[in-house]
C-alpha cells in the first residue's frame, strides 16, 4: 500500500505561479513513476507531467515550457512548479504513483484556479 499526501494549489491570477507537492509513503519499490493529472469541469482527465524514478520526464504539450516537474527518490516526493498560469489551467490536480507491482495510487486532488 502506498499513500500520497498532496500540498499546494489555490487561487492565482493569470500569469502567476503555483507549486504543487506530493509525498509518497508506504510500500515503495523501484522503479516507479509519479506525476500529476488534472481534470477541469466537463473535460476528460489529462496527464500534466510525470517523472520516473530513473529521471525520465514527460509533459503534456499544453504545459511545456511553463511547468516543471522534479522528483526526489530519497524522499519519494514530486513537485510541480507551474508558471505563467492561464485560466485554461484551472482544474483539480491529482498526484499519482505507479509501479509494476501495484495498482495506481491517486492523491485526494487539489484545486488550482486561475482567475483575475
PDB file of N, CA and C in Angstrom:
ATOM      1  N   UNK A   1       0.838  -1.199   0.000  1.00  0.00           N
ATOM      2  CA  UNK A   1       0.000   0.000   0.000  1.00  0.00           C
ATOM      3  C   UNK A   1       0.869   1.242   0.000  1.00  0.00           C
ATOM      4  N   UNK A   2       0.482   2.166  -0.865  1.00  0.00           N
ATOM      5  CA  UNK A   2       1.173   3.459  -0.962  1.00  0.00           C
ATOM      6  C   UNK A   2       0.177   4.548  -0.605  1.00  0.00           C
ATOM      7  N   UNK A   3       0.605   5.497   0.171  1.00  0.00           N
ATOM      8  CA  UNK A   3      -0.224   6.647   0.499  1.00  0.00           C
ATOM      9  C   UNK A   3       0.419   7.901  -0.082  1.00  0.00           C
ATOM     10  N   UNK A   4      -0.434   8.804  -0.551  1.00  0.00           N
ATOM     11  CA  UNK A   4       0.027  10.061  -1.135  1.00  0.00           C
ATOM     12  C   UNK A   4      -0.546  11.236  -0.358  1.00  0.00           C
ATOM     13  N   UNK A   5       0.301  12.215  -0.096  1.00  0.00           N
ATOM     14  CA  UNK A   5      -0.134  13.450   0.543  1.00  0.00           C
ATOM     15  C   UNK A   5       0.242  14.606  -0.368  1.00  0.00           C
ATOM     16  N   UNK A   6      -0.755  15.360  -0.783  1.00  0.00           N
ATOM     17  CA  UNK A   6      -0.550  16.485  -1.685  1.00  0.00           C
ATOM     18  C   UNK A   6      -0.581  17.790  -0.902  1.00  0.00           C
ATOM     19  N   UNK A   7       0.089  18.782  -1.445  1.00  0.00           N
ATOM     20  CA  UNK A   7       0.012  20.129  -0.881  1.00  0.00           C
ATOM     21  C   UNK A   7       0.197  21.126  -2.014  1.00  0.00           C
ATOM     22  N   UNK A   8      -0.241  22.347  -1.768  1.00  0.00           N
ATOM     23  CA  UNK A   8      -0.163  23.387  -2.772  1.00  0.00           C
ATOM     24  C   UNK A   8      -1.527  23.619  -3.394  1.00  0.00           C
ATOM     25  N   UNK A   9      -1.540  24.308  -4.477  1.00  0.00           N
ATOM     26  CA  UNK A   9      -2.797  24.661  -5.126  1.00  0.00           C
ATOM     27  C   UNK A   9      -3.345  25.960  -4.570  1.00  0.00           C
ATOM     28  N   UNK A  10      -4.488  26.360  -5.104  1.00  0.00           N
ATOM     29  CA  UNK A  10      -5.113  27.584  -4.645  1.00  0.00           C
ATOM     30  C   UNK A  10      -5.549  28.461  -5.791  1.00  0.00           C
ATOM     31  N   UNK A  11      -5.701  29.743  -5.473  1.00  0.00           N
ATOM     32  CA  UNK A  11      -6.173  30.729  -6.445  1.00  0.00           C
ATOM     33  C   UNK A  11      -5.019  31.641  -6.836  1.00  0.00           C
ATOM     34  N   UNK A  12      -4.873  31.865  -8.118  1.00  0.00           N
ATOM     35  CA  UNK A  12      -3.801  32.725  -8.607  1.00  0.00           C
ATOM     36  C   UNK A  12      -4.305  33.497  -9.819  1.00  0.00           C
ATOM     37  N   UNK A  13      -3.756  34.665 -10.030  1.00  0.00           N
ATOM     38  CA  UNK A  13      -4.123  35.471 -11.190  1.00  0.00           C
ATOM     39  C   UNK A  13      -3.420  34.953 -12.443  1.00  0.00           C
ATOM     40  N   UNK A  14      -3.982  35.211 -13.608  1.00  0.00           N
ATOM     41  CA  UNK A  14      -3.299  34.810 -14.850  1.00  0.00           C
ATOM     42  C   UNK A  14      -1.878  35.356 -14.902  1.00  0.00           C
ATOM     43  N   UNK A  15      -0.971  34.506 -15.318  1.00  0.00           N
ATOM     44  CA  UNK A  15       0.436  34.874 -15.347  1.00  0.00           C
ATOM     45  C   UNK A  15       1.180  34.530 -14.079  1.00  0.00           C
ATOM     46  N   UNK A  16       0.459  34.130 -13.065  1.00  0.00           N
ATOM     47  CA  UNK A  16       1.070  33.811 -11.787  1.00  0.00           C
ATOM     48  C   UNK A  16       1.632  32.403 -11.726  1.00  0.00           C
ATOM     49  N   UNK A  17       2.129  32.054 -10.545  1.00  0.00           N
ATOM     50  CA  UNK A  17       2.768  30.754 -10.340  1.00  0.00           C
ATOM     51  C   UNK A  17       2.207  30.063  -9.110  1.00  0.00           C
ATOM     52  N   UNK A  18       2.256  28.754  -9.167  1.00  0.00           N
ATOM     53  CA  UNK A  18       1.913  27.913  -8.027  1.00  0.00           C
ATOM     54  C   UNK A  18       2.835  26.711  -8.025  1.00  0.00           C
ATOM     55  N   UNK A  19       2.978  26.117  -6.856  1.00  0.00           N
ATOM     56  CA  UNK A  19       3.806  24.919  -6.728  1.00  0.00           C
ATOM     57  C   UNK A  19       2.999  23.844  -6.019  1.00  0.00           C
ATOM     58  N   UNK A  20       2.947  22.670  -6.645  1.00  0.00           N
ATOM     59  CA  UNK A  20       2.286  21.517  -6.047  1.00  0.00           C
ATOM     60  C   UNK A  20       3.343  20.522  -5.590  1.00  0.00           C
ATOM     61  N   UNK A  21       3.074  19.881  -4.466  1.00  0.00           N
ATOM     62  CA  UNK A  21       3.978  18.860  -3.959  1.00  0.00           C
ATOM     63  C   UNK A  21       3.188  17.604  -3.623  1.00  0.00           C
ATOM     64  N   UNK A  22       3.862  16.478  -3.745  1.00  0.00           N
ATOM     65  CA  UNK A  22       3.230  15.195  -3.444  1.00  0.00           C
ATOM     66  C   UNK A  22       4.275  14.298  -2.802  1.00  0.00           C
ATOM     67  N   UNK A  23       3.931  13.721  -1.666  1.00  0.00           N
ATOM     68  CA  UNK A  23       4.849  12.824  -0.965  1.00  0.00           C
ATOM     69  C   UNK A  23       4.230  11.441  -0.875  1.00  0.00           C
ATOM     70  N   UNK A  24       5.006  10.439  -1.241  1.00  0.00           N
ATOM     71  CA  UNK A  24       4.550   9.055  -1.183  1.00  0.00           C
ATOM     72  C   UNK A  24       5.170   8.350   0.006  1.00  0.00           C
ATOM     73  N   UNK A  25       4.388   7.489   0.634  1.00  0.00           N
ATOM     74  CA  UNK A  25       4.895   6.697   1.749  1.00  0.00           C
ATOM     75  C   UNK A  25       4.254   5.317   1.710  1.00  0.00           C
ATOM     76  N   UNK A  26       4.865   4.382   2.434  1.00  0.00           N
ATOM     77  CA  UNK A  26       4.341   3.031   2.457  1.00  0.00           C
ATOM     78  C   UNK A  26       5.272   2.072   1.749  1.00  0.00           C
ATOM     79  N   UNK A  27       4.687   1.097   1.083  1.00  0.00           N
ATOM     80  CA  UNK A  27       5.464   0.057   0.397  1.00  0.00           C
ATOM     81  C   UNK A  27       5.887   0.555  -0.979  1.00  0.00           C
ATOM     82  N   UNK A  28       7.069   1.139  -1.018  1.00  0.00           N
ATOM     83  CA  UNK A  28       7.567   1.739  -2.253  1.00  0.00           C
ATOM     84  C   UNK A  28       8.758   0.957  -2.756  1.00  0.00           C
ATOM     85  N   UNK A  29       8.679   0.537  -3.998  1.00  0.00           N
ATOM     86  CA  UNK A  29       9.789  -0.164  -4.624  1.00  0.00           C
ATOM     87  C   UNK A  29      10.099   0.475  -5.959  1.00  0.00           C
ATOM     88  N   UNK A  30      11.344   0.388  -6.341  1.00  0.00           N
ATOM     89  CA  UNK A  30      11.768   0.921  -7.620  1.00  0.00           C
ATOM     90  C   UNK A  30      11.581  -0.128  -8.711  1.00  0.00           C
ATOM     91  N   UNK A  31      11.396   0.274  -9.924  1.00  0.00           N
ATOM     92  CA  UNK A  31      11.201   1.653 -10.378  1.00  0.00           C
ATOM     93  C   UNK A  31       9.754   2.091 -10.226  1.00  0.00           C
ATOM     94  N   UNK A  32       9.528   3.387 -10.215  1.00  0.00           N
ATOM     95  CA  UNK A  32       8.159   3.887 -10.151  1.00  0.00           C
ATOM     96  C   UNK A  32       8.044   5.163 -10.957  1.00  0.00           C
ATOM     97  N   UNK A  33       6.835   5.558 -11.179  1.00  0.00           N
ATOM     98  CA  UNK A  33       6.517   6.812 -11.848  1.00  0.00           C
ATOM     99  C   UNK A  33       5.570   7.602 -10.956  1.00  0.00           C
ATOM    100  N   UNK A  34       5.864   8.860 -10.802  1.00  0.00           N
ATOM    101  CA  UNK A  34       4.961   9.783 -10.095  1.00  0.00           C
ATOM    102  C   UNK A  34       4.658  10.944 -11.011  1.00  0.00           C
ATOM    103  N   UNK A  35       3.507  11.504 -10.817  1.00  0.00           N
ATOM    104  CA  UNK A  35       3.166  12.631 -11.673  1.00  0.00           C
ATOM    105  C   UNK A  35       1.840  13.238 -11.290  1.00  0.00           C
ATOM    106  N   UNK A  36       1.336  14.046 -12.196  1.00  0.00           N
ATOM    107  CA  UNK A  36       0.102  14.793 -11.962  1.00  0.00           C
ATOM    108  C   UNK A  36      -0.819  14.672 -13.182  1.00  0.00           C
ATOM    109  N   UNK A  37      -2.078  14.436 -12.884  1.00  0.00           N
ATOM    110  CA  UNK A  37      -3.136  14.574 -13.867  1.00  0.00           C
ATOM    111  C   UNK A  37      -3.982  15.763 -13.436  1.00  0.00           C
ATOM    112  N   UNK A  38      -4.790  16.244 -14.335  1.00  0.00           N
ATOM    113  CA  UNK A  38      -5.759  17.273 -13.991  1.00  0.00           C
ATOM    114  C   UNK A  38      -7.072  17.017 -14.708  1.00  0.00           C
ATOM    115  N   UNK A  39      -8.120  17.510 -14.084  1.00  0.00           N
ATOM    116  CA  UNK A  39      -9.441  17.388 -14.698  1.00  0.00           C
ATOM    117  C   UNK A  39     -10.213  18.669 -14.459  1.00  0.00           C
ATOM    118  N   UNK A  40     -10.600  19.300 -15.550  1.00  0.00           N
ATOM    119  CA  UNK A  40     -11.412  20.501 -15.498  1.00  0.00           C
ATOM    120  C   UNK A  40     -12.875  20.096 -15.642  1.00  0.00           C
ATOM    121  N   UNK A  41     -13.780  20.936 -15.157  1.00  0.00           N
ATOM    122  CA  UNK A  41     -15.206  20.619 -15.260  1.00  0.00           C
ATOM    123  C   UNK A  41     -15.614  20.364 -16.702  1.00  0.00           C
ATOM    124  N   UNK A  42     -16.295  19.260 -16.925  1.00  0.00           N
ATOM    125  CA  UNK A  42     -16.774  18.936 -18.253  1.00  0.00           C
ATOM    126  C   UNK A  42     -15.735  18.400 -19.214  1.00  0.00           C
ATOM    127  N   UNK A  43     -14.530  18.190 -18.713  1.00  0.00           N
ATOM    128  CA  UNK A  43     -13.450  17.695 -19.575  1.00  0.00           C
ATOM    129  C   UNK A  43     -12.894  16.383 -19.037  1.00  0.00           C
ATOM    130  N   UNK A  44     -12.229  15.656 -19.926  1.00  0.00           N
ATOM    131  CA  UNK A  44     -11.598  14.413 -19.511  1.00  0.00           C
ATOM    132  C   UNK A  44     -10.331  14.699 -18.717  1.00  0.00           C
ATOM    133  N   UNK A  45      -9.988  13.749 -17.878  1.00  0.00           N
ATOM    134  CA  UNK A  45      -8.742  13.851 -17.130  1.00  0.00           C
ATOM    135  C   UNK A  45      -7.574  13.733 -18.102  1.00  0.00           C
ATOM    136  N   UNK A  46      -6.557  14.542 -17.882  1.00  0.00           N
ATOM    137  CA  UNK A  46      -5.397  14.506 -18.765  1.00  0.00           C
ATOM    138  C   UNK A  46      -4.114  14.499 -17.962  1.00  0.00           C
ATOM    139  N   UNK A  47      -3.120  13.839 -18.519  1.00  0.00           N
ATOM    140  CA  UNK A  47      -1.796  13.844 -17.906  1.00  0.00           C
ATOM    141  C   UNK A  47      -1.179  15.218 -18.055  1.00  0.00           C
ATOM    142  N   UNK A  48      -0.648  15.740 -16.977  1.00  0.00           N
ATOM    143  CA  UNK A  48       0.039  17.028 -16.999  1.00  0.00           C
ATOM    144  C   UNK A  48       1.547  16.814 -17.120  1.00  0.00           C
ATOM    145  N   UNK A  49       2.089  16.041 -16.210  1.00  0.00           N
ATOM    146  CA  UNK A  49       3.529  15.775 -16.212  1.00  0.00           C
ATOM    147  C   UNK A  49       3.807  14.541 -15.380  1.00  0.00           C
ATOM    148  N   UNK A  50       4.872  13.837 -15.727  1.00  0.00           N
ATOM    149  CA  UNK A  50       5.245  12.645 -14.984  1.00  0.00           C
ATOM    150  C   UNK A  50       6.757  12.516 -14.963  1.00  0.00           C
ATOM    151  N   UNK A  51       7.250  11.871 -13.928  1.00  0.00           N
ATOM    152  CA  UNK A  51       8.689  11.641 -13.807  1.00  0.00           C
ATOM    153  C   UNK A  51       8.898  10.236 -13.251  1.00  0.00           C
ATOM    154  N   UNK A  52       9.844   9.516 -13.832  1.00  0.00           N
ATOM    155  CA  UNK A  52      10.153   8.189 -13.329  1.00  0.00           C
ATOM    156  C   UNK A  52      11.244   8.277 -12.273  1.00  0.00           C
ATOM    157  N   UNK A  53      11.403   7.214 -11.524  1.00  0.00           N
ATOM    158  CA  UNK A  53      12.461   7.182 -10.527  1.00  0.00           C
ATOM    159  C   UNK A  53      13.830   7.215 -11.189  1.00  0.00           C
ATOM    160  N   UNK A  54      13.858   6.902 -12.473  1.00  0.00           N
ATOM    161  CA  UNK A  54      15.103   6.985 -13.215  1.00  0.00           C
ATOM    162  C   UNK A  54      15.359   8.345 -13.821  1.00  0.00           C
ATOM    163  N   UNK A  55      14.385   9.250 -13.656  1.00  0.00           N
ATOM    164  CA  UNK A  55      14.581  10.619 -14.101  1.00  0.00           C
ATOM    165  C   UNK A  55      13.976  10.978 -15.444  1.00  0.00           C
ATOM    166  N   UNK A  56      13.283  10.043 -16.081  1.00  0.00           N
ATOM    167  CA  UNK A  56      12.632  10.365 -17.347  1.00  0.00           C
ATOM    168  C   UNK A  56      11.400  11.213 -17.077  1.00  0.00           C
ATOM    169  N   UNK A  57      11.224  12.239 -17.922  1.00  0.00           N
ATOM    170  CA  UNK A  57      10.147  13.213 -17.713  1.00  0.00           C
ATOM    171  C   UNK A  57       9.280  13.302 -18.957  1.00  0.00           C
ATOM    172  N   UNK A  58       7.996  13.496 -18.722  1.00  0.00           N
ATOM    173  CA  UNK A  58       7.031  13.650 -19.803  1.00  0.00           C
ATOM    174  C   UNK A  58       6.084  14.783 -19.442  1.00  0.00           C
ATOM    175  N   UNK A  59       5.823  15.652 -20.415  1.00  0.00           N
ATOM    176  CA  UNK A  59       4.897  16.763 -20.219  1.00  0.00           C
ATOM    177  C   UNK A  59       3.797  16.733 -21.260  1.00  0.00           C
ATOM    178  N   UNK A  60       2.633  17.210 -20.885  1.00  0.00           N
ATOM    179  CA  UNK A  60       1.600  17.486 -21.868  1.00  0.00           C
ATOM    180  C   UNK A  60       2.065  18.664 -22.714  1.00  0.00           C
ATOM    181  N   UNK A  61       1.707  18.649 -23.997  1.00  0.00           N
ATOM    182  CA  UNK A  61       2.121  19.740 -24.872  1.00  0.00           C
ATOM    183  C   UNK A  61       1.641  21.092 -24.358  1.00  0.00           C
ATOM    184  N   UNK A  62       0.486  21.095 -23.729  1.00  0.00           N
ATOM    185  CA  UNK A  62      -0.115  22.355 -23.295  1.00  0.00           C
ATOM    186  C   UNK A  62       0.642  23.031 -22.148  1.00  0.00           C
ATOM    187  N   UNK A  63       1.529  22.289 -21.478  1.00  0.00           N
ATOM    188  CA  UNK A  63       2.241  22.879 -20.336  1.00  0.00           C
ATOM    189  C   UNK A  63       3.750  22.974 -20.568  1.00  0.00           C
ATOM    190  N   UNK A  64       4.223  22.453 -21.678  1.00  0.00           N
ATOM    191  CA  UNK A  64       5.662  22.504 -21.955  1.00  0.00           C
ATOM    192  C   UNK A  64       6.155  23.939 -21.960  1.00  0.00           C
ATOM    193  N   UNK A  65       7.270  24.163 -21.294  1.00  0.00           N
ATOM    194  CA  UNK A  65       7.847  25.493 -21.214  1.00  0.00           C
ATOM    195  C   UNK A  65       7.276  26.339 -20.084  1.00  0.00           C
ATOM    196  N   UNK A  66       6.206  25.867 -19.463  1.00  0.00           N
ATOM    197  CA  UNK A  66       5.597  26.625 -18.362  1.00  0.00           C
ATOM    198  C   UNK A  66       5.658  25.863 -17.039  1.00  0.00           C
ATOM    199  N   UNK A  67       5.514  24.551 -17.117  1.00  0.00           N
ATOM    200  CA  UNK A  67       5.515  23.714 -15.915  1.00  0.00           C
ATOM    201  C   UNK A  67       6.813  22.930 -15.846  1.00  0.00           C
ATOM    202  N   UNK A  68       7.284  22.708 -14.630  1.00  0.00           N
ATOM    203  CA  UNK A  68       8.485  21.902 -14.411  1.00  0.00           C
ATOM    204  C   UNK A  68       8.226  20.894 -13.313  1.00  0.00           C
ATOM    205  N   UNK A  69       8.459  19.623 -13.618  1.00  0.00           N
ATOM    206  CA  UNK A  69       8.300  18.578 -12.627  1.00  0.00           C
ATOM    207  C   UNK A  69       9.673  18.153 -12.133  1.00  0.00           C
ATOM    208  N   UNK A  70       9.760  17.876 -10.854  1.00  0.00           N
ATOM    209  CA  UNK A  70      11.025  17.402 -10.281  1.00  0.00           C
ATOM    210  C   UNK A  70      10.714  16.355  -9.215  1.00  0.00           C
ATOM    211  N   UNK A  71      11.663  15.481  -8.997  1.00  0.00           N
ATOM    212  CA  UNK A  71      11.442  14.415  -8.036  1.00  0.00           C
ATOM    213  C   UNK A  71      12.646  14.185  -7.147  1.00  0.00           C
ATOM    214  N   UNK A  72      12.409  13.610  -5.998  1.00  0.00           N
ATOM    215  CA  UNK A  72      13.460  13.260  -5.039  1.00  0.00           C
ATOM    216  C   UNK A  72      13.229  11.821  -4.621  1.00  0.00           C
ATOM    217  N   UNK A  73      14.055  10.922  -5.150  1.00  0.00           N
ATOM    218  CA  UNK A  73      13.872   9.494  -4.856  1.00  0.00           C
ATOM    219  C   UNK A  73      14.101   9.191  -3.381  1.00  0.00           C
ATOM    220  N   UNK A  74      14.995   9.902  -2.759  1.00  0.00           N
ATOM    221  CA  UNK A  74      15.294   9.635  -1.352  1.00  0.00           C
ATOM    222  C   UNK A  74      14.098   9.935  -0.465  1.00  0.00           C
ATOM    223  N   UNK A  75      13.332  10.938  -0.853  1.00  0.00           N
ATOM    224  CA  UNK A  75      12.169  11.331  -0.061  1.00  0.00           C
ATOM    225  C   UNK A  75      10.861  10.858  -0.687  1.00  0.00           C
ATOM    226  N   UNK A  76      10.944  10.256  -1.887  1.00  0.00           N
ATOM    227  CA  UNK A  76       9.745   9.817  -2.611  1.00  0.00           C
ATOM    228  C   UNK A  76       8.753  10.964  -2.762  1.00  0.00           C
ATOM    229  N   UNK A  77       9.256  12.080  -3.211  1.00  0.00           N
ATOM    230  CA  UNK A  77       8.405  13.241  -3.421  1.00  0.00           C
ATOM    231  C   UNK A  77       8.500  13.709  -4.862  1.00  0.00           C
ATOM    232  N   UNK A  78       7.488  14.398  -5.300  1.00  0.00           N
ATOM    233  CA  UNK A  78       7.482  15.012  -6.614  1.00  0.00           C
ATOM    234  C   UNK A  78       6.869  16.399  -6.478  1.00  0.00           C
ATOM    235  N   UNK A  79       7.456  17.341  -7.188  1.00  0.00           N
ATOM    236  CA  UNK A  79       6.978  18.712  -7.165  1.00  0.00           C
ATOM    237  C   UNK A  79       6.633  19.158  -8.578  1.00  0.00           C
ATOM    238  N   UNK A  80       5.639  20.007  -8.680  1.00  0.00           N
ATOM    239  CA  UNK A  80       5.248  20.571  -9.966  1.00  0.00           C
ATOM    240  C   UNK A  80       5.228  22.091  -9.830  1.00  0.00           C
ATOM    241  N   UNK A  81       6.199  22.716 -10.431  1.00  0.00           N
ATOM    242  CA  UNK A  81       6.260  24.176 -10.458  1.00  0.00           C
ATOM    243  C   UNK A  81       5.500  24.649 -11.683  1.00  0.00           C
ATOM    244  N   UNK A  82       4.476  25.445 -11.456  1.00  0.00           N
ATOM    245  CA  UNK A  82       3.617  25.905 -12.540  1.00  0.00           C
ATOM    246  C   UNK A  82       3.768  27.415 -12.683  1.00  0.00           C
ATOM    247  N   UNK A  83       4.290  27.839 -13.802  1.00  0.00           N
ATOM    248  CA  UNK A  83       4.491  29.262 -14.086  1.00  0.00           C
ATOM    249  C   UNK A  83       3.604  29.685 -15.244  1.00  0.00           C
ATOM    250  N   UNK A  84       3.449  30.972 -15.386  1.00  0.00           N
ATOM    251  CA  UNK A  84       2.642  31.537 -16.482  1.00  0.00           C
ATOM    252  C   UNK A  84       1.283  30.856 -16.565  1.00  0.00           C
ATOM    253  N   UNK A  85       0.650  30.731 -15.429  1.00  0.00           N
ATOM    254  CA  UNK A  85      -0.644  30.051 -15.391  1.00  0.00           C
ATOM    255  C   UNK A  85      -1.702  30.836 -16.124  1.00  0.00           C
ATOM    256  N   UNK A  86      -2.587  30.103 -16.776  1.00  0.00           N
ATOM    257  CA  UNK A  86      -3.668  30.695 -17.560  1.00  0.00           C
ATOM    258  C   UNK A  86      -5.000  30.135 -17.090  1.00  0.00           C
ATOM    259  N   UNK A  87      -6.085  30.820 -17.390  1.00  0.00           N
ATOM    260  CA  UNK A  87      -7.398  30.324 -16.957  1.00  0.00           C
ATOM    261  C   UNK A  87      -7.671  28.882 -17.391  1.00  0.00           C
ATOM    262  N   UNK A  88      -7.139  28.494 -18.528  1.00  0.00           N
ATOM    263  CA  UNK A  88      -7.383  27.124 -19.005  1.00  0.00           C
ATOM    264  C   UNK A  88      -6.629  26.079 -18.191  1.00  0.00           C
ATOM    265  N   UNK A  89      -5.765  26.501 -17.299  1.00  0.00           N
ATOM    266  CA  UNK A  89      -5.092  25.576 -16.394  1.00  0.00           C
ATOM    267  C   UNK A  89      -5.940  25.263 -15.164  1.00  0.00           C
ATOM    268  N   UNK A  90      -7.054  25.959 -15.034  1.00  0.00           N
ATOM    269  CA  UNK A  90      -7.937  25.715 -13.899  1.00  0.00           C
ATOM    270  C   UNK A  90      -8.463  24.284 -13.934  1.00  0.00           C
ATOM    271  N   UNK A  91      -8.260  23.571 -12.838  1.00  0.00           N
ATOM    272  CA  UNK A  91      -8.656  22.167 -12.784  1.00  0.00           C
ATOM    273  C   UNK A  91      -8.363  21.629 -11.390  1.00  0.00           C
ATOM    274  N   UNK A  92      -8.830  20.426 -11.144  1.00  0.00           N
ATOM    275  CA  UNK A  92      -8.395  19.674  -9.976  1.00  0.00           C
ATOM    276  C   UNK A  92      -7.174  18.866 -10.389  1.00  0.00           C
ATOM    277  N   UNK A  93      -6.088  19.071  -9.691  1.00  0.00           N
ATOM    278  CA  UNK A  93      -4.831  18.381  -9.985  1.00  0.00           C
ATOM    279  C   UNK A  93      -4.656  17.234  -8.992  1.00  0.00           C
ATOM    280  N   UNK A  94      -4.383  16.062  -9.534  1.00  0.00           N
ATOM    281  CA  UNK A  94      -4.233  14.875  -8.682  1.00  0.00           C
ATOM    282  C   UNK A  94      -2.875  14.234  -8.916  1.00  0.00           C
ATOM    283  N   UNK A  95      -2.206  13.977  -7.831  1.00  0.00           N
ATOM    284  CA  UNK A  95      -0.933  13.270  -7.880  1.00  0.00           C
ATOM    285  C   UNK A  95      -1.192  11.770  -8.047  1.00  0.00           C
ATOM    286  N   UNK A  96      -0.290  11.081  -8.728  1.00  0.00           N
ATOM    287  CA  UNK A  96      -0.430   9.639  -8.815  1.00  0.00           C
ATOM    288  C   UNK A  96       0.929   8.968  -8.662  1.00  0.00           C
ATOM    289  N   UNK A  97       0.854   7.709  -8.253  1.00  0.00           N
ATOM    290  CA  UNK A  97       2.044   6.884  -8.071  1.00  0.00           C
ATOM    291  C   UNK A  97       1.784   5.571  -8.773  1.00  0.00           C
ATOM    292  N   UNK A  98       2.737   5.150  -9.626  1.00  0.00           N
ATOM    293  CA  UNK A  98       2.566   3.905 -10.373  1.00  0.00           C
ATOM    294  C   UNK A  98       3.837   3.089 -10.323  1.00  0.00           C
ATOM    295  N   UNK A  99       3.659   1.795 -10.112  1.00  0.00           N
ATOM    296  CA  UNK A  99       4.763   0.865 -10.207  1.00  0.00           C
ATOM    297  C   UNK A  99       4.199  -0.449 -10.728  1.00  0.00           C
ATOM    298  N   UNK A 100       5.057  -1.273 -11.314  1.00  0.00           N
ATOM    299  CA  UNK A 100       4.601  -2.506 -11.941  1.00  0.00           C
ATOM    300  C   UNK A 100       3.890  -3.444 -10.971  1.00  0.00           C
ATOM    301  N   UNK A 101       4.275  -3.425  -9.722  1.00  0.00           N
ATOM    302  CA  UNK A 101       3.797  -4.423  -8.773  1.00  0.00           C
ATOM    303  C   UNK A 101       2.517  -4.035  -8.047  1.00  0.00           C
ATOM    304  N   UNK A 102       1.997  -2.813  -8.294  1.00  0.00           N
ATOM    305  CA  UNK A 102       0.814  -2.372  -7.557  1.00  0.00           C
ATOM    306  C   UNK A 102      -0.106  -1.554  -8.452  1.00  0.00           C
ATOM    307  N   UNK A 103      -1.393  -1.527  -8.092  1.00  0.00           N
ATOM    308  CA  UNK A 103      -2.304  -0.626  -8.823  1.00  0.00           C
ATOM    309  C   UNK A 103      -1.894   0.829  -8.627  1.00  0.00           C
ATOM    310  N   UNK A 104      -2.335   1.673  -9.532  1.00  0.00           N
ATOM    311  CA  UNK A 104      -2.036   3.098  -9.412  1.00  0.00           C
ATOM    312  C   UNK A 104      -2.698   3.673  -8.166  1.00  0.00           C
ATOM    313  N   UNK A 105      -1.945   4.467  -7.451  1.00  0.00           N
ATOM    314  CA  UNK A 105      -2.454   5.172  -6.278  1.00  0.00           C
ATOM    315  C   UNK A 105      -2.668   6.630  -6.638  1.00  0.00           C
ATOM    316  N   UNK A 106      -3.791   7.181  -6.195  1.00  0.00           N
ATOM    317  CA  UNK A 106      -4.134   8.568  -6.506  1.00  0.00           C
ATOM    318  C   UNK A 106      -4.205   9.392  -5.220  1.00  0.00           C
ATOM    319  N   UNK A 107      -3.790  10.635  -5.321  1.00  0.00           N
ATOM    320  CA  UNK A 107      -3.971  11.564  -4.224  1.00  0.00           C
ATOM    321  C   UNK A 107      -5.405  12.063  -4.186  1.00  0.00           C
ATOM    322  N   UNK A 108      -5.693  12.875  -3.177  1.00  0.00           N
ATOM    323  CA  UNK A 108      -7.071  13.331  -2.984  1.00  0.00           C
ATOM    324  C   UNK A 108      -7.440  14.448  -3.949  1.00  0.00           C
ATOM    325  N   UNK A 109      -6.459  15.050  -4.588  1.00  0.00           N
ATOM    326  CA  UNK A 109      -6.727  16.131  -5.534  1.00  0.00           C
ATOM    327  C   UNK A 109      -6.676  17.482  -4.855  1.00  0.00           C
ATOM    328  N   UNK A 110      -6.172  18.448  -5.589  1.00  0.00           N
ATOM    329  CA  UNK A 110      -6.109  19.815  -5.078  1.00  0.00           C
ATOM    330  C   UNK A 110      -6.574  20.778  -6.174  1.00  0.00           C
ATOM    331  N   UNK A 111      -7.348  21.760  -5.783  1.00  0.00           N
ATOM    332  CA  UNK A 111      -7.923  22.689  -6.758  1.00  0.00           C
ATOM    333  C   UNK A 111      -6.911  23.773  -7.122  1.00  0.00           C
ATOM    334  N   UNK A 112      -6.766  23.996  -8.404  1.00  0.00           N
ATOM    335  CA  UNK A 112      -5.993  25.119  -8.922  1.00  0.00           C
ATOM    336  C   UNK A 112      -6.950  25.983  -9.728  1.00  0.00           C
ATOM    337  N   UNK A 113      -7.070  27.234  -9.330  1.00  0.00           N
ATOM    338  CA  UNK A 113      -7.965  28.167 -10.018  1.00  0.00           C
ATOM    339  C   UNK A 113      -7.160  29.367 -10.485  1.00  0.00           C
ATOM    340  N   UNK A 114      -7.239  29.640 -11.770  1.00  0.00           N
ATOM    341  CA  UNK A 114      -6.536  30.781 -12.352  1.00  0.00           C
ATOM    342  C   UNK A 114      -7.595  31.768 -12.823  1.00  0.00           C
ATOM    343  N   UNK A 115      -7.653  32.880 -12.118  1.00  0.00           N
ATOM    344  CA  UNK A 115      -8.707  33.851 -12.408  1.00  0.00           C
ATOM    345  C   UNK A 115      -8.291  35.220 -11.910  1.00  0.00           C
ATOM    346  N   UNK A 116      -8.752  36.236 -12.637  1.00  0.00           N
ATOM    347  CA  UNK A 116      -8.485  37.600 -12.189  1.00  0.00           C
ATOM    348  C   UNK A 116      -9.634  38.115 -11.341  1.00  0.00           C
TER     349      UNK A 116
END
